[in-house]
Amino acid sequence: MYKIIIEGNKKLTGEIKISGSKNSAVALIPAAVLCDEEVTIANVPNISDIDALDEILNFLNADVMRDGDTIKIDSSKIENKLIPEKIAKKLRASYYFMGALLSKFKKVEMHFPGGCSIGARPINLHLKGFEALGAKVEEKNNLFIITADKLVGNKINLDFASVGATINLMLAAVKAEGTTIITNAAKEPHIVNVATFLNNMGAKISGAGTSEIKIEGVEYLHSCFHEVVPDYIETGTYMILASVAGHDIEIKNIIPEHVESLISKLEEAGVDMEIGVDSVKISAPEKLRPVNIKTQVYPGFPTDLQQPMATLLTQADGKSIVNETIWENRFLNLFELNKMGATTELLTASKAVIMGPSKLKGKKVSATDLRAGASLVVAGLIAEGTTTIENADYILRGYEGIVEKLTEVGAKIKLEEVDE
């Protein structure tokens, strides 16, 4: 267990380089087991979620070699075994092994995955999709047994544009017989990244990034080299941070099109940005205007940026309303912000009001999930005094080198291990 300690109220300046996408990498690595040869994936972030996936691959007897931000995976000798529950529960994205192993072996046994506590997160859309492809699903005490004599392409309409279900069904359909069409598919950048990876191996996928994805099944996937796209949630987090604590902070290795919804809201709040081809420079304005936020599936405002944005809104001059439409437990960070002096109130389970500006003071707070942790890091950097963020392991799941990156731009921040 770790905690992060921050001495706040310091202006930050310098450069921050964005790492590879966490949400992309945690899907690409399970997707690699579909390859019948060796694959190389570059720009992989060094975060604890990747360590957990590495552990699963090694358990399945895949040959894995990591060198810096590059990982090579040879699944030619992989064994289809029940992944131990204690490993599967380390991260939500372990469920991508369901689609990949089902596609490769026509059978998978796996416990319900873990991850952050931000809502119920059912996998019924995944399971219904597997059944549409011809699989039989059994559930015994949180253990899912999914089998198929063969997988056959079908038309699958998702009730909700779920990122996880879209990716998992792409993985399952890659080696199915015939053609699969996923309608109401999610459109996030990491879905395009995963589809490109599979196509580089010889898959036949079209339409990724739109609401309809077509997959023509193939029998064999070959070796390839692939690169993880920059993390647009990490990009957005540092853009928000720069908007409240930055002076000429330049955020590099970004894809501006991926954060257009955030750019729009920051402009509305009065933040001046110099946007380049793959970078953005931001200084915190003297005064922030309040804005209303409503989370949406991509390309709408990301639910993963709602919590960091809430910290910014505590500094805006007036009332902001936040509507959370994706996850039901995404306001737990507000209770921690209130400990630090923020004025926030839950109007309903999915709507909150934030009044500002509030003078935040350093306190002992707790990260309840990954993005709540990011919200508290932003708060700690602008607060007077010392902030201690407990349960910082959540933050390390999704932000590579966050302490080092912030130290380089002038933050007084350190990571400490906690004796259990």
Foldseek 3Di string as FASTA:
>chain_A
DKKKKFAAAAFFADEFEFAFALVLLLLQLLLQLLALAKAKEFRAFPFVSVVLSVVQLVVQVWDWDDDVRMIMTGNNPGHQDERDQVSQAPAQSSCLNVLQCCQRPQKHKYFHYHAFDQADPDCVLLVVLLVQQAWDWDDDPRIIIIGHPAGAADEREGPAQDQSSLSSSLNNQQAGAAKHKYAQHFQAPSQVQNVVVQVQQPWDWDDRNHRIIMTHYDHHGHYDYGYGQGHVLLVLLVVLLQQARYDFYKYFRAQVVQCVQSVVVQVVQPWDWDDDRGMITTHHDPATAAEEAEDDGPPHHHLLCQLLVLLSNLAHAAKYKYFYDPTQRSCPLVVVQVVQFWDKDDPDSGMIMGHDPTAGAADEEEQSAQSSLSNVVSSQHNHHGMHMYPPCSRVSNGGRPPVVSRVVRPIDMDMDDDDD
